[in-house]
Amino acid sequence: MLVIRPIEQRDFPALKLIAIESGHGFTSLPVNDELLQNKINHSEASFRSRPAAKGEHLYFFVAEDTETGEVVGTTALDAAVGLSSPFYTYLLGKQVHSSPKLGIYNVVETLTLTNDYTGVSELCTLFLREQARQGLNGRLLSKCRFLFLAEFSELFDRRVLAEMRGVSDDNGNSPFWSWLQEHFFSMDFPTVDYLTGIGQKGFIADLMPKYPIYVNLLSKEARSVIGKTHDKTRPALRLLEEEGFAWRGYVDIFDAGPSVECDLKHIRSVHNSRRLTVQIGHPVHTSKYLVSNTHFSSFRALIGELAINEEKAQAVITREVACLLKVEDGDTIRVVEIG
């Protein structure tokens, strides 16, 4: 069984291994010891004392195998992006060129550089190691964040986004970036991906085209991947779409992968989750639920079997599940059907 918990200092070796395995295009986990350590430090500081409101806080979680103690995945919530350094996206839009006198009316697509997501909360750093990609593990890793969002909604923006990795090959070559590189930059995609991951984003403002790019001027290969998702990221996108996330035309400035978003209160697992009182016992007529405790700094989440007593608003769980969630009789948990 996997249990989700906040990252700790002892998880650094596992985090570095995951960063290596995640490959090109996974900007939020650069293979850089200092930056990875900073993420752990940032998350620990965010969890140390519950903030009064939304701010530049990172809530970084790991998935731990309860049998082996091995960390097999990561997932995170960035409470507000773009506050201390710009958060860039392209917005796919339209411009009309018309001349009634000549009888000409043309609609062309454009890509405009924006900072529209400044202050928005982000789902990020979702990665499950290959040996753990089975059963409901992927759902747990993705959806556990929604129980945290539901329980501590005051710490997050009303809008929640997720950047999906765009199309690139095994060597890190991105068709979209190849066109940008040819016309505006002199760096390959792995290099620019790494620089962004370590926070060196100044070159974006310096070198990115300042005016809208006409999509029809891009290469056929670049046009074909706008808003498209990397093969390995499609399962994650499907899980988010189940929750109500949708693409509204924003794409990554490097690989043109889609950014999907949803109002926090409209996220299915946020809206449908509920608090129940714990009763430790031997549940019968059980169903699988995504379940978490309601603790902040010692947050835990898992997928487990439980029985619900609707009349008493109680969840009957086993002693084993209670121990993993760090709860006792009479405590409160948050549950939602896993779907």
Foldseek 3Di string as FASTA:
>chain_A
DKKKWFDAPVCLVVLLVQLVVVAAQQLQRFNDSVLSVVLSVQQLVCLVDPDPAADQGKGKMFIADPVPRDTFWIKIKGQFPCPVHADKWWFWDWDWDDDVVVPDIDIFIWTAIDSVRGGAMEIGRTDGHPVPPDDCVSLLSLCVVLQVCLLPVRHHDQKYKYFAGFDDDNVNAALQQVQCCVPFNVDGRRVVSNCVSSPNCPVCVVTPDNGIDTLVVGDPRNSVGAQHHYPVRVVVVVSQVVQPWDFDRIAHPRRNHTMTMDGSCSGNLSVQKDKAFEDEDDADPWAWKWKWFSDRSGIMIDIDIWDADVVRRYIYDHPVVCVRRVHDGGGMMMIDHSD
